[in-house]
Amino acid sequence: MNDLKLFRVADGQAAEIPGAAVALERQLQTLIECNMEAMLGIRFLASEYGTGSRHRGRIDSLGLDEYGNPAIIEYKRSNGKAVITQALSYLSWLRDHRHEFESLVKERLGDEAAGSIDWSNPRLVCIAGDFTSHDTHALEEIGRRIDLVSYRDFGGGLLALQLVASVTGSATPPRTPSTPAGASAPSAGAGGDGSTVKSVRQFYDESPQSLRDLYADLDAMLISDGDVQKEFQLHYVAYRRIKNVATVRFQPRSHTLVVRLAVDPDTVELVEGFARDVRRIGCLGTGPLELRIRSQEDLARASDLVRQSIDRR
């Protein structure tokens, strides 16, 4: 299913650069582990992590993604036939060893990261040279949060990653309130496990219809390409391809959508009350640029920046 093609263009003539699998599976794993945050938006924790006598295996890579979700990454040099089953088998280990994983995060990334782990929907990333249509159809039946990522090595230092398929899985079962026309409402997601922290679903419920309608238009803008995935985290709605595109929070009292984008603030004219640089500010969401959208005029002003964030991911 990997139809990714790369061309070298010279004097108006295009010549295809043939892609191939890497020579060794371990070579692929080492390359991605050394560049995991840049390539996948996941902070690397451990390689070949032993799962003990009961689960009897070694997880290729462990990480923590941009949203604080535990991540298991498995690799296959060529066909991904067995990689999905292998990743799923390690998910049971992860659920049984939360304390061990939290200790690993604390050791590698510090107390703040360990204290912000979101256990509602761990992420499985399966990377292989190719996947079949059967693999992608099976994801919907599995009901877990899984990304299928194919790769191609084009030589000369060129490696391409392509998100072939992705499902968000099922976190805490959502309630079923009414949803405004044109938008799919955020689910309860994290925080439904007894947490007293107010979730994005609750903030959405408290929002006036006008703010929900504004969100419906923003949501349509973010997913218009068809390959941006939407996931419901505890504090925000997250949008991503392989890496984060945007996060959205609701502030009902001020009638505001707080949007963070993967756009360099140094390239943007920062306007007080609309756009600000949050690289050195501790606030919810991911992405260095924050926009505050209160009206259709703000949304129109944000459209080019939203497009930039999507195109860069």
C-alpha atoms as a PDB file:
ATOM      1  CA  MET A   1       0.000   0.000   0.000  1.00  0.00           C
ATOM      2  CA  ASN A   2       3.003   2.306   0.237  1.00  0.00           C
ATOM      3  CA  ASP A   3       2.635   4.465  -2.876  1.00  0.00           C
ATOM      4  CA  LEU A   4       4.951   7.236  -1.697  1.00  0.00           C
ATOM      5  CA  LYS A   5       7.136   8.413  -4.576  1.00  0.00           C
ATOM      6  CA  LEU A   6      10.055  10.833  -4.638  1.00  0.00           C
ATOM      7  CA  PHE A   7      11.318  12.589  -7.743  1.00  0.00           C
ATOM      8  CA  ARG A   8      14.468  14.532  -8.587  1.00  0.00           C
ATOM      9  CA  VAL A   9      13.625  17.455 -10.861  1.00  0.00           C
ATOM     10  CA  ALA A  10      16.281  19.014 -13.090  1.00  0.00           C
ATOM     11  CA  ASP A  11      15.696  21.329 -16.054  1.00  0.00           C
ATOM     12  CA  GLY A  12      11.984  20.635 -15.878  1.00  0.00           C
ATOM     13  CA  GLN A  13      12.460  16.859 -16.124  1.00  0.00           C
ATOM     14  CA  ALA A  14      11.394  14.541 -13.280  1.00  0.00           C
ATOM     15  CA  ALA A  15      13.234  11.294 -12.555  1.00  0.00           C
ATOM     16  CA  GLU A  16      11.888   8.971  -9.886  1.00  0.00           C
ATOM     17  CA  ILE A  17      14.236   8.059  -7.045  1.00  0.00           C
ATOM     18  CA  PRO A  18      13.623   4.403  -6.180  1.00  0.00           C
ATOM     19  CA  GLY A  19      12.818   3.705  -2.563  1.00  0.00           C
ATOM     20  CA  ALA A  20      13.680   0.549  -0.639  1.00  0.00           C
ATOM     21  CA  ALA A  21      13.644  -1.034   2.795  1.00  0.00           C
ATOM     22  CA  VAL A  22      16.656  -0.526   5.025  1.00  0.00           C
ATOM     23  CA  ALA A  23      19.209  -3.319   5.080  1.00  0.00           C
ATOM     24  CA  LEU A  24      18.590  -4.291   8.714  1.00  0.00           C
ATOM     25  CA  GLU A  25      15.591  -3.859  11.015  1.00  0.00           C
ATOM     26  CA  ARG A  26      17.866  -2.713  13.823  1.00  0.00           C
ATOM     27  CA  GLN A  27      19.234   0.012  11.553  1.00  0.00           C
ATOM     28  CA  LEU A  28      15.717   1.440  11.159  1.00  0.00           C
ATOM     29  CA  GLN A  29      15.062   1.215  14.895  1.00  0.00           C
ATOM     30  CA  THR A  30      18.312   2.948  15.848  1.00  0.00           C
ATOM     31  CA  LEU A  31      17.751   5.750  13.349  1.00  0.00           C
ATOM     32  CA  ILE A  32      14.241   6.502  14.631  1.00  0.00           C
ATOM     33  CA  GLU A  33      15.183   6.180  18.293  1.00  0.00           C
ATOM     34  CA  CYS A  34      17.935   8.757  17.816  1.00  0.00           C
ATOM     35  CA  ASN A  35      15.463  11.124  16.127  1.00  0.00           C
ATOM     36  CA  MET A  36      12.159  10.064  17.659  1.00  0.00           C
ATOM     37  CA  GLU A  37      10.909  13.470  18.749  1.00  0.00           C
ATOM     38  CA  ALA A  38      11.682  15.049  15.369  1.00  0.00           C
ATOM     39  CA  MET A  39      10.179  12.174  13.366  1.00  0.00           C
ATOM     40  CA  LEU A  40       7.243  11.021  15.494  1.00  0.00           C
ATOM     41  CA  GLY A  41       6.676  13.718  18.110  1.00  0.00           C
ATOM     42  CA  ILE A  42       7.527  11.158  20.812  1.00  0.00           C
ATOM     43  CA  ARG A  43      10.151  11.553  23.527  1.00  0.00           C
ATOM     44  CA  PHE A  44      12.379   8.471  23.627  1.00  0.00           C
ATOM     45  CA  LEU A  45      12.570   6.516  26.873  1.00  0.00           C
ATOM     46  CA  ALA A  46      14.097   3.070  26.311  1.00  0.00           C
ATOM     47  CA  SER A  47      15.155   0.534  23.691  1.00  0.00           C
ATOM     48  CA  GLU A  48      14.639  -3.255  23.783  1.00  0.00           C
ATOM     49  CA  TYR A  49      12.833  -2.973  27.117  1.00  0.00           C
ATOM     50  CA  GLY A  50      12.354  -6.355  28.810  1.00  0.00           C
ATOM     51  CA  THR A  51       8.795  -7.286  29.852  1.00  0.00           C
ATOM     52  CA  GLY A  52       9.660  -9.976  32.392  1.00  0.00           C
ATOM     53  CA  SER A  53       8.892 -13.667  32.724  1.00  0.00           C
ATOM     54  CA  ARG A  54       5.125 -13.413  32.315  1.00  0.00           C
ATOM     55  CA  HIS A  55       4.974 -11.374  29.113  1.00  0.00           C
ATOM     56  CA  ARG A  56       8.310 -12.754  27.851  1.00  0.00           C
ATOM     57  CA  GLY A  57       9.334 -10.169  25.317  1.00  0.00           C
ATOM     58  CA  ARG A  58      11.311  -7.038  24.584  1.00  0.00           C
ATOM     59  CA  ILE A  59       9.546  -3.860  23.525  1.00  0.00           C
ATOM     60  CA  ASP A  60      11.445  -2.314  20.610  1.00  0.00           C
ATOM     61  CA  SER A  61      11.008   1.276  21.856  1.00  0.00           C
ATOM     62  CA  LEU A  62       9.180   2.987  24.693  1.00  0.00           C
ATOM     63  CA  GLY A  63       8.316   6.667  24.643  1.00  0.00           C
ATOM     64  CA  LEU A  64       6.004   9.449  25.817  1.00  0.00           C
ATOM     65  CA  ASP A  65       4.147  11.362  23.122  1.00  0.00           C
ATOM     66  CA  GLU A  66       3.364  15.064  22.814  1.00  0.00           C
ATOM     67  CA  TYR A  67       0.143  14.663  24.789  1.00  0.00           C
ATOM     68  CA  GLY A  68       1.661  12.724  27.683  1.00  0.00           C
ATOM     69  CA  ASN A  69       0.414   9.329  26.444  1.00  0.00           C
ATOM     70  CA  PRO A  70       2.627   6.245  26.897  1.00  0.00           C
ATOM     71  CA  ALA A  71       3.830   5.027  23.495  1.00  0.00           C
ATOM     72  CA  ILE A  72       4.992   1.607  22.328  1.00  0.00           C
ATOM     73  CA  ILE A  73       6.854   1.593  19.002  1.00  0.00           C
ATOM     74  CA  GLU A  74       7.478  -1.631  17.074  1.00  0.00           C
ATOM     75  CA  TYR A  75       9.401  -2.011  13.805  1.00  0.00           C
ATOM     76  CA  LYS A  76       9.507  -4.413  10.889  1.00  0.00           C
ATOM     77  CA  ARG A  77      12.025  -3.985   8.109  1.00  0.00           C
ATOM     78  CA  SER A  78       9.620  -4.940   5.322  1.00  0.00           C
ATOM     79  CA  ASN A  79       6.063  -6.296   5.639  1.00  0.00           C
ATOM     80  CA  GLY A  80       4.167  -5.249   8.763  1.00  0.00           C
ATOM     81  CA  LYS A  81       2.144  -8.446   9.037  1.00  0.00           C
ATOM     82  CA  ALA A  82       3.199  -9.372  12.589  1.00  0.00           C
ATOM     83  CA  VAL A  83       4.044  -5.949  13.987  1.00  0.00           C
ATOM     84  CA  ILE A  84       0.457  -5.064  15.001  1.00  0.00           C
ATOM     85  CA  THR A  85      -0.033  -8.268  16.993  1.00  0.00           C
ATOM     86  CA  GLN A  86       3.328  -7.795  18.654  1.00  0.00           C
ATOM     87  CA  ALA A  87       2.526  -4.223  19.704  1.00  0.00           C
ATOM     88  CA  LEU A  88      -0.872  -5.271  21.088  1.00  0.00           C
ATOM     89  CA  SER A  89       0.730  -7.995  23.182  1.00  0.00           C
ATOM     90  CA  TYR A  90       2.961  -5.409  24.835  1.00  0.00           C
ATOM     91  CA  LEU A  91      -0.006  -3.160  25.594  1.00  0.00           C
ATOM     92  CA  SER A  92      -1.161  -5.639  28.232  1.00  0.00           C
ATOM     93  CA  TRP A  93       2.280  -5.394  29.871  1.00  0.00           C
ATOM     94  CA  LEU A  94       2.029  -1.598  29.876  1.00  0.00           C
ATOM     95  CA  ARG A  95      -1.365  -1.633  31.587  1.00  0.00           C
ATOM     96  CA  ASP A  96      -0.039  -4.036  34.248  1.00  0.00           C
ATOM     97  CA  HIS A  97       3.135  -2.024  34.920  1.00  0.00           C
ATOM     98  CA  ARG A  98       2.061   1.584  35.268  1.00  0.00           C
ATOM     99  CA  HIS A  99       4.294   2.234  38.261  1.00  0.00           C
ATOM    100  CA  GLU A 100       7.318   0.831  36.438  1.00  0.00           C
ATOM    101  CA  PHE A 101       6.619   3.014  33.398  1.00  0.00           C
ATOM    102  CA  GLU A 102       6.095   6.103  35.576  1.00  0.00           C
ATOM    103  CA  SER A 103       9.419   5.430  37.307  1.00  0.00           C
ATOM    104  CA  LEU A 104      11.129   5.180  33.912  1.00  0.00           C
ATOM    105  CA  VAL A 105       9.617   8.501  32.799  1.00  0.00           C
ATOM    106  CA  LYS A 106      10.690  10.150  36.052  1.00  0.00           C
ATOM    107  CA  GLU A 107      14.231   8.825  35.628  1.00  0.00           C
ATOM    108  CA  ARG A 108      14.588   9.881  31.969  1.00  0.00           C
ATOM    109  CA  LEU A 109      12.378  12.977  31.660  1.00  0.00           C
ATOM    110  CA  GLY A 110      11.872  14.260  35.206  1.00  0.00           C
ATOM    111  CA  ASP A 111       9.111  14.689  37.791  1.00  0.00           C
ATOM    112  CA  GLU A 112       6.946  17.043  35.709  1.00  0.00           C
ATOM    113  CA  ALA A 113       6.669  14.592  32.812  1.00  0.00           C
ATOM    114  CA  ALA A 114       6.012  11.690  35.158  1.00  0.00           C
ATOM    115  CA  GLY A 115       3.261  13.617  36.903  1.00  0.00           C
ATOM    116  CA  SER A 116       1.465  14.479  33.666  1.00  0.00           C
ATOM    117  CA  ILE A 117       1.173  10.999  32.108  1.00  0.00           C
ATOM    118  CA  ASP A 118      -2.248  10.412  30.554  1.00  0.00           C
ATOM    119  CA  TRP A 119      -3.194   6.729  30.906  1.00  0.00           C
ATOM    120  CA  SER A 120      -6.601   6.982  29.248  1.00  0.00           C
ATOM    121  CA  ASN A 121      -5.500   5.807  25.807  1.00  0.00           C
ATOM    122  CA  PRO A 122      -1.882   4.576  25.324  1.00  0.00           C
ATOM    123  CA  ARG A 123      -0.508   4.829  21.806  1.00  0.00           C
ATOM    124  CA  LEU A 124       0.864   2.029  19.631  1.00  0.00           C
ATOM    125  CA  VAL A 125       3.030   2.979  16.638  1.00  0.00           C
ATOM    126  CA  CYS A 126       3.786   0.223  14.129  1.00  0.00           C
ATOM    127  CA  ILE A 127       6.488   1.073  11.582  1.00  0.00           C
ATOM    128  CA  ALA A 128       7.171  -1.133   8.562  1.00  0.00           C
ATOM    129  CA  GLY A 129       8.134  -1.010   4.910  1.00  0.00           C
ATOM    130  CA  ASP A 130       4.568  -1.775   3.893  1.00  0.00           C
ATOM    131  CA  PHE A 131       1.110  -2.692   5.177  1.00  0.00           C
ATOM    132  CA  THR A 132      -1.724  -4.500   3.432  1.00  0.00           C
ATOM    133  CA  SER A 133      -5.354  -3.429   3.115  1.00  0.00           C
ATOM    134  CA  HIS A 134      -6.173  -6.200   5.609  1.00  0.00           C
ATOM    135  CA  ASP A 135      -3.930  -4.493   8.172  1.00  0.00           C
ATOM    136  CA  THR A 136      -5.690  -1.157   7.818  1.00  0.00           C
ATOM    137  CA  HIS A 137      -9.200  -2.645   7.923  1.00  0.00           C
ATOM    138  CA  ALA A 138      -8.296  -4.650  11.037  1.00  0.00           C
ATOM    139  CA  LEU A 139      -7.528  -1.470  12.997  1.00  0.00           C
ATOM    140  CA  GLU A 140     -11.198  -0.515  13.228  1.00  0.00           C
ATOM    141  CA  GLU A 141     -12.031  -3.882  14.764  1.00  0.00           C
ATOM    142  CA  ILE A 142      -9.188  -3.874  17.277  1.00  0.00           C
ATOM    143  CA  GLY A 143     -10.473  -0.806  19.122  1.00  0.00           C
ATOM    144  CA  ARG A 144      -7.093   0.413  20.304  1.00  0.00           C
ATOM    145  CA  ARG A 145      -5.153   3.597  19.532  1.00  0.00           C
ATOM    146  CA  ILE A 146      -2.805   2.513  16.739  1.00  0.00           C
ATOM    147  CA  ASP A 147      -0.808   4.286  14.023  1.00  0.00           C
ATOM    148  CA  LEU A 148       0.489   2.391  10.997  1.00  0.00           C
ATOM    149  CA  VAL A 149       3.516   4.232   9.605  1.00  0.00           C
ATOM    150  CA  SER A 150       5.283   3.090   6.461  1.00  0.00           C
ATOM    151  CA  TYR A 151       8.766   4.198   5.481  1.00  0.00           C
ATOM    152  CA  ARG A 152      10.959   4.365   2.413  1.00  0.00           C
ATOM    153  CA  ASP A 153      14.737   4.747   2.293  1.00  0.00           C
ATOM    154  CA  PHE A 154      15.635   6.771  -0.800  1.00  0.00           C
ATOM    155  CA  GLY A 155      19.363   6.795  -0.164  1.00  0.00           C
ATOM    156  CA  GLY A 156      21.537   9.871   0.030  1.00  0.00           C
ATOM    157  CA  GLY A 157      20.288  10.588   3.539  1.00  0.00           C
ATOM    158  CA  LEU A 158      16.606  10.667   2.497  1.00  0.00           C
ATOM    159  CA  LEU A 159      14.097   8.741   4.608  1.00  0.00           C
ATOM    160  CA  ALA A 160      10.335   9.230   4.201  1.00  0.00           C
ATOM    161  CA  LEU A 161       7.628   8.384   6.747  1.00  0.00           C
ATOM    162  CA  GLN A 162       3.963   8.135   5.781  1.00  0.00           C
ATOM    163  CA  LEU A 163       0.955   7.719   8.081  1.00  0.00           C
ATOM    164  CA  VAL A 164      -0.895   4.892   6.306  1.00  0.00           C
ATOM    165  CA  ALA A 165      -3.741   4.481   8.792  1.00  0.00           C
ATOM    166  CA  SER A 166      -4.646   5.621  12.285  1.00  0.00           C
ATOM    167  CA  VAL A 167      -7.435   4.962  14.754  1.00  0.00           C
ATOM    168  CA  THR A 168      -7.976   6.854  17.993  1.00  0.00           C
ATOM    169  CA  GLY A 169      -9.182   3.827  19.942  1.00  0.00           C
ATOM    170  CA  SER A 170     -11.557   4.026  22.849  1.00  0.00           C
ATOM    171  CA  ALA A 171     -10.746   5.810  26.078  1.00  0.00           C
ATOM    172  CA  THR A 172     -13.260   6.267  28.872  1.00  0.00           C
ATOM    173  CA  PRO A 173     -16.784   5.804  27.396  1.00  0.00           C
ATOM    174  CA  PRO A 174     -18.229   9.241  26.596  1.00  0.00           C
ATOM    175  CA  ARG A 175     -21.609  10.554  27.561  1.00  0.00           C
ATOM    176  CA  THR A 176     -24.011  11.278  24.719  1.00  0.00           C
ATOM    177  CA  PRO A 177     -25.160  14.909  24.892  1.00  0.00           C
ATOM    178  CA  SER A 178     -26.516  16.715  21.892  1.00  0.00           C
ATOM    179  CA  THR A 179     -23.992  17.814  19.302  1.00  0.00           C
ATOM    180  CA  PRO A 180     -24.258  20.963  17.177  1.00  0.00           C
ATOM    181  CA  ALA A 181     -24.781  20.464  13.485  1.00  0.00           C
ATOM    182  CA  GLY A 182     -21.559  20.315  11.506  1.00  0.00           C
ATOM    183  CA  ALA A 183     -19.242  19.235  14.337  1.00  0.00           C
ATOM    184  CA  SER A 184     -18.507  16.061  16.199  1.00  0.00           C
ATOM    185  CA  ALA A 185     -18.366  16.899  19.877  1.00  0.00           C
ATOM    186  CA  PRO A 186     -15.347  16.033  22.002  1.00  0.00           C
ATOM    187  CA  SER A 187     -15.750  12.924  24.126  1.00  0.00           C
ATOM    188  CA  ALA A 188     -15.158  12.738  27.855  1.00  0.00           C
ATOM    189  CA  GLY A 189     -11.835  11.002  27.210  1.00  0.00           C
ATOM    190  CA  ALA A 190      -9.348  11.236  30.033  1.00  0.00           C
ATOM    191  CA  GLY A 191     -10.569  12.311  33.385  1.00  0.00           C
ATOM    192  CA  GLY A 192     -13.501   9.915  33.356  1.00  0.00           C
ATOM    193  CA  ASP A 193     -11.619   7.524  35.651  1.00  0.00           C
ATOM    194  CA  GLY A 194     -12.509   9.354  38.846  1.00  0.00           C
ATOM    195  CA  SER A 195     -10.333  12.397  38.261  1.00  0.00           C
ATOM    196  CA  THR A 196     -11.683  15.671  39.657  1.00  0.00           C
ATOM    197  CA  VAL A 197      -9.952  17.664  36.910  1.00  0.00           C
ATOM    198  CA  LYS A 198     -12.479  19.289  34.594  1.00  0.00           C
ATOM    199  CA  SER A 199     -12.187  17.768  31.113  1.00  0.00           C
ATOM    200  CA  VAL A 200     -12.400  19.360  27.682  1.00  0.00           C
ATOM    201  CA  ARG A 201     -15.800  17.678  27.338  1.00  0.00           C
ATOM    202  CA  GLN A 202     -17.071  19.558  30.388  1.00  0.00           C
ATOM    203  CA  PHE A 203     -15.765  22.884  29.105  1.00  0.00           C
ATOM    204  CA  TYR A 204     -17.428  22.150  25.770  1.00  0.00           C
ATOM    205  CA  ASP A 205     -20.722  21.383  27.523  1.00  0.00           C
ATOM    206  CA  GLU A 206     -20.547  24.723  29.341  1.00  0.00           C
ATOM    207  CA  SER A 207     -19.886  26.679  26.137  1.00  0.00           C
ATOM    208  CA  PRO A 208     -22.628  28.770  24.540  1.00  0.00           C
ATOM    209  CA  GLN A 209     -23.962  27.609  21.187  1.00  0.00           C
ATOM    210  CA  SER A 210     -22.125  30.436  19.416  1.00  0.00           C
ATOM    211  CA  LEU A 211     -18.766  29.157  20.686  1.00  0.00           C
ATOM    212  CA  ARG A 212     -19.669  25.581  19.699  1.00  0.00           C
ATOM    213  CA  ASP A 213     -20.533  26.802  16.210  1.00  0.00           C
ATOM    214  CA  LEU A 214     -17.212  28.636  16.017  1.00  0.00           C
ATOM    215  CA  TYR A 215     -15.460  25.414  17.036  1.00  0.00           C
ATOM    216  CA  ALA A 216     -17.368  23.493  14.355  1.00  0.00           C
ATOM    217  CA  ASP A 217     -15.896  25.823  11.714  1.00  0.00           C
ATOM    218  CA  LEU A 218     -12.383  25.514  13.172  1.00  0.00           C
ATOM    219  CA  ASP A 219     -12.734  21.729  13.354  1.00  0.00           C
ATOM    220  CA  ALA A 220     -13.741  21.607   9.682  1.00  0.00           C
ATOM    221  CA  MET A 221     -10.709  23.744   8.788  1.00  0.00           C
ATOM    222  CA  LEU A 222      -8.314  21.454  10.669  1.00  0.00           C
ATOM    223  CA  ILE A 223      -9.575  18.174   9.212  1.00  0.00           C
ATOM    224  CA  SER A 224     -10.332  19.436   5.692  1.00  0.00           C
ATOM    225  CA  ASP A 225      -7.414  17.532   4.127  1.00  0.00           C
ATOM    226  CA  GLY A 226      -8.811  14.225   5.342  1.00  0.00           C
ATOM    227  CA  ASP A 227      -5.547  12.944   6.821  1.00  0.00           C
ATOM    228  CA  VAL A 228      -5.479  14.966  10.049  1.00  0.00           C
ATOM    229  CA  GLN A 229      -6.486  12.800  13.008  1.00  0.00           C
ATOM    230  CA  LYS A 230      -8.547  14.173  15.909  1.00  0.00           C
ATOM    231  CA  GLU A 231      -8.012  12.802  19.418  1.00  0.00           C
ATOM    232  CA  PHE A 232      -9.612  13.750  22.707  1.00  0.00           C
ATOM    233  CA  GLN A 233      -7.211  14.362  25.563  1.00  0.00           C
ATOM    234  CA  LEU A 234      -8.014  15.451  29.098  1.00  0.00           C
ATOM    235  CA  HIS A 235      -7.429  19.191  28.703  1.00  0.00           C
ATOM    236  CA  TYR A 236      -7.812  19.737  24.958  1.00  0.00           C
ATOM    237  CA  VAL A 237      -8.829  18.327  21.592  1.00  0.00           C
ATOM    238  CA  ALA A 238      -5.669  17.273  19.744  1.00  0.00           C
ATOM    239  CA  TYR A 239      -5.172  17.267  15.968  1.00  0.00           C
ATOM    240  CA  ARG A 240      -2.223  15.537  14.323  1.00  0.00           C
ATOM    241  CA  ARG A 241      -0.737  13.758  11.386  1.00  0.00           C
ATOM    242  CA  ILE A 242       2.262  11.736  12.520  1.00  0.00           C
ATOM    243  CA  LYS A 243       3.134  14.710  14.742  1.00  0.00           C
ATOM    244  CA  ASN A 244       0.992  17.351  16.406  1.00  0.00           C
ATOM    245  CA  VAL A 245      -0.798  19.904  14.208  1.00  0.00           C
ATOM    246  CA  ALA A 246      -2.916  21.753  16.772  1.00  0.00           C
ATOM    247  CA  THR A 247      -4.606  21.601  20.163  1.00  0.00           C
ATOM    248  CA  VAL A 248      -7.877  23.340  21.023  1.00  0.00           C
ATOM    249  CA  ARG A 249      -9.263  24.338  24.431  1.00  0.00           C
ATOM    250  CA  PHE A 250     -12.561  26.016  25.340  1.00  0.00           C
ATOM    251  CA  GLN A 251     -12.954  29.054  27.598  1.00  0.00           C
ATOM    252  CA  PRO A 252     -16.746  29.543  27.828  1.00  0.00           C
ATOM    253  CA  ARG A 253     -16.714  32.595  30.066  1.00  0.00           C
ATOM    254  CA  SER A 254     -14.584  34.641  27.689  1.00  0.00           C
ATOM    255  CA  HIS A 255     -16.111  33.037  24.578  1.00  0.00           C
ATOM    256  CA  THR A 256     -12.666  31.925  23.407  1.00  0.00           C
ATOM    257  CA  LEU A 257     -11.082  28.991  21.588  1.00  0.00           C
ATOM    258  CA  VAL A 258      -7.450  28.691  22.683  1.00  0.00           C
ATOM    259  CA  VAL A 259      -5.524  27.134  19.813  1.00  0.00           C
ATOM    260  CA  ARG A 260      -1.871  26.104  19.811  1.00  0.00           C
ATOM    261  CA  LEU A 261      -0.120  25.507  16.495  1.00  0.00           C
ATOM    262  CA  ALA A 262       3.166  24.016  15.296  1.00  0.00           C
ATOM    263  CA  VAL A 263       4.259  27.362  13.830  1.00  0.00           C
ATOM    264  CA  ASP A 264       7.431  29.263  14.711  1.00  0.00           C
ATOM    265  CA  PRO A 265       6.319  32.467  16.526  1.00  0.00           C
ATOM    266  CA  ASP A 266       9.381  34.270  15.128  1.00  0.00           C
ATOM    267  CA  THR A 267       7.779  34.079  11.676  1.00  0.00           C
ATOM    268  CA  VAL A 268       4.459  35.574  12.817  1.00  0.00           C
ATOM    269  CA  GLU A 269       3.373  39.114  13.619  1.00  0.00           C
ATOM    270  CA  LEU A 270       2.272  38.701  17.226  1.00  0.00           C
ATOM    271  CA  VAL A 271      -0.850  40.717  18.028  1.00  0.00           C
ATOM    272  CA  GLU A 272      -1.804  41.247  21.669  1.00  0.00           C
ATOM    273  CA  GLY A 273      -4.984  39.383  22.531  1.00  0.00           C
ATOM    274  CA  PHE A 274      -4.804  37.225  19.394  1.00  0.00           C
ATOM    275  CA  ALA A 275      -1.365  35.617  18.920  1.00  0.00           C
ATOM    276  CA  ARG A 276       1.472  35.051  21.376  1.00  0.00           C
ATOM    277  CA  ASP A 277       4.705  33.093  21.759  1.00  0.00           C
ATOM    278  CA  VAL A 278       4.276  30.441  24.483  1.00  0.00           C
ATOM    279  CA  ARG A 279       7.644  28.694  24.185  1.00  0.00           C
ATOM    280  CA  ARG A 280       8.692  29.877  27.640  1.00  0.00           C
ATOM    281  CA  ILE A 281       5.265  29.865  29.241  1.00  0.00           C
ATOM    282  CA  GLY A 282       3.835  26.868  31.044  1.00  0.00           C
ATOM    283  CA  CYS A 283       0.353  26.390  29.573  1.00  0.00           C
ATOM    284  CA  LEU A 284      -1.827  23.558  28.344  1.00  0.00           C
ATOM    285  CA  GLY A 285      -1.499  22.180  24.836  1.00  0.00           C
ATOM    286  CA  THR A 286       1.354  21.626  22.395  1.00  0.00           C
ATOM    287  CA  GLY A 287       2.891  23.940  19.837  1.00  0.00           C
ATOM    288  CA  PRO A 288       4.863  27.162  20.326  1.00  0.00           C
ATOM    289  CA  LEU A 289       2.261  29.572  18.897  1.00  0.00           C
ATOM    290  CA  GLU A 290      -1.008  30.281  20.725  1.00  0.00           C
ATOM    291  CA  LEU A 291      -4.028  31.909  19.087  1.00  0.00           C
ATOM    292  CA  ARG A 292      -7.149  33.138  20.858  1.00  0.00           C
ATOM    293  CA  ILE A 293     -10.162  32.921  18.554  1.00  0.00           C
ATOM    294  CA  ARG A 294     -13.369  34.669  19.626  1.00  0.00           C
ATOM    295  CA  SER A 295     -15.146  35.412  16.352  1.00  0.00           C
ATOM    296  CA  GLN A 296     -15.423  34.513  12.692  1.00  0.00           C
ATOM    297  CA  GLU A 297     -13.087  37.433  11.964  1.00  0.00           C
ATOM    298  CA  ASP A 298     -10.439  35.883  14.243  1.00  0.00           C
ATOM    299  CA  LEU A 299     -10.962  32.508  12.574  1.00  0.00           C
ATOM    300  CA  ALA A 300     -10.431  34.022   9.124  1.00  0.00           C
ATOM    301  CA  ARG A 301      -7.277  35.741  10.391  1.00  0.00           C
ATOM    302  CA  ALA A 302      -6.052  32.387  11.752  1.00  0.00           C
ATOM    303  CA  SER A 303      -6.683  30.356   8.601  1.00  0.00           C
ATOM    304  CA  ASP A 304      -3.248  30.877   7.008  1.00  0.00           C
ATOM    305  CA  LEU A 305      -1.494  29.955  10.260  1.00  0.00           C
ATOM    306  CA  VAL A 306      -3.623  26.817  10.612  1.00  0.00           C
ATOM    307  CA  ARG A 307      -2.650  25.841   7.064  1.00  0.00           C
ATOM    308  CA  GLN A 308       1.034  26.430   7.823  1.00  0.00           C
ATOM    309  CA  SER A 309       0.839  24.164  10.860  1.00  0.00           C
ATOM    310  CA  ILE A 310      -0.836  21.375   8.859  1.00  0.00           C
ATOM    311  CA  ASP A 311       1.620  21.635   5.963  1.00  0.00           C
ATOM    312  CA  ARG A 312       4.653  21.464   8.271  1.00  0.00           C
ATOM    313  CA  ARG A 313       3.551  18.185   9.885  1.00  0.00           C
END
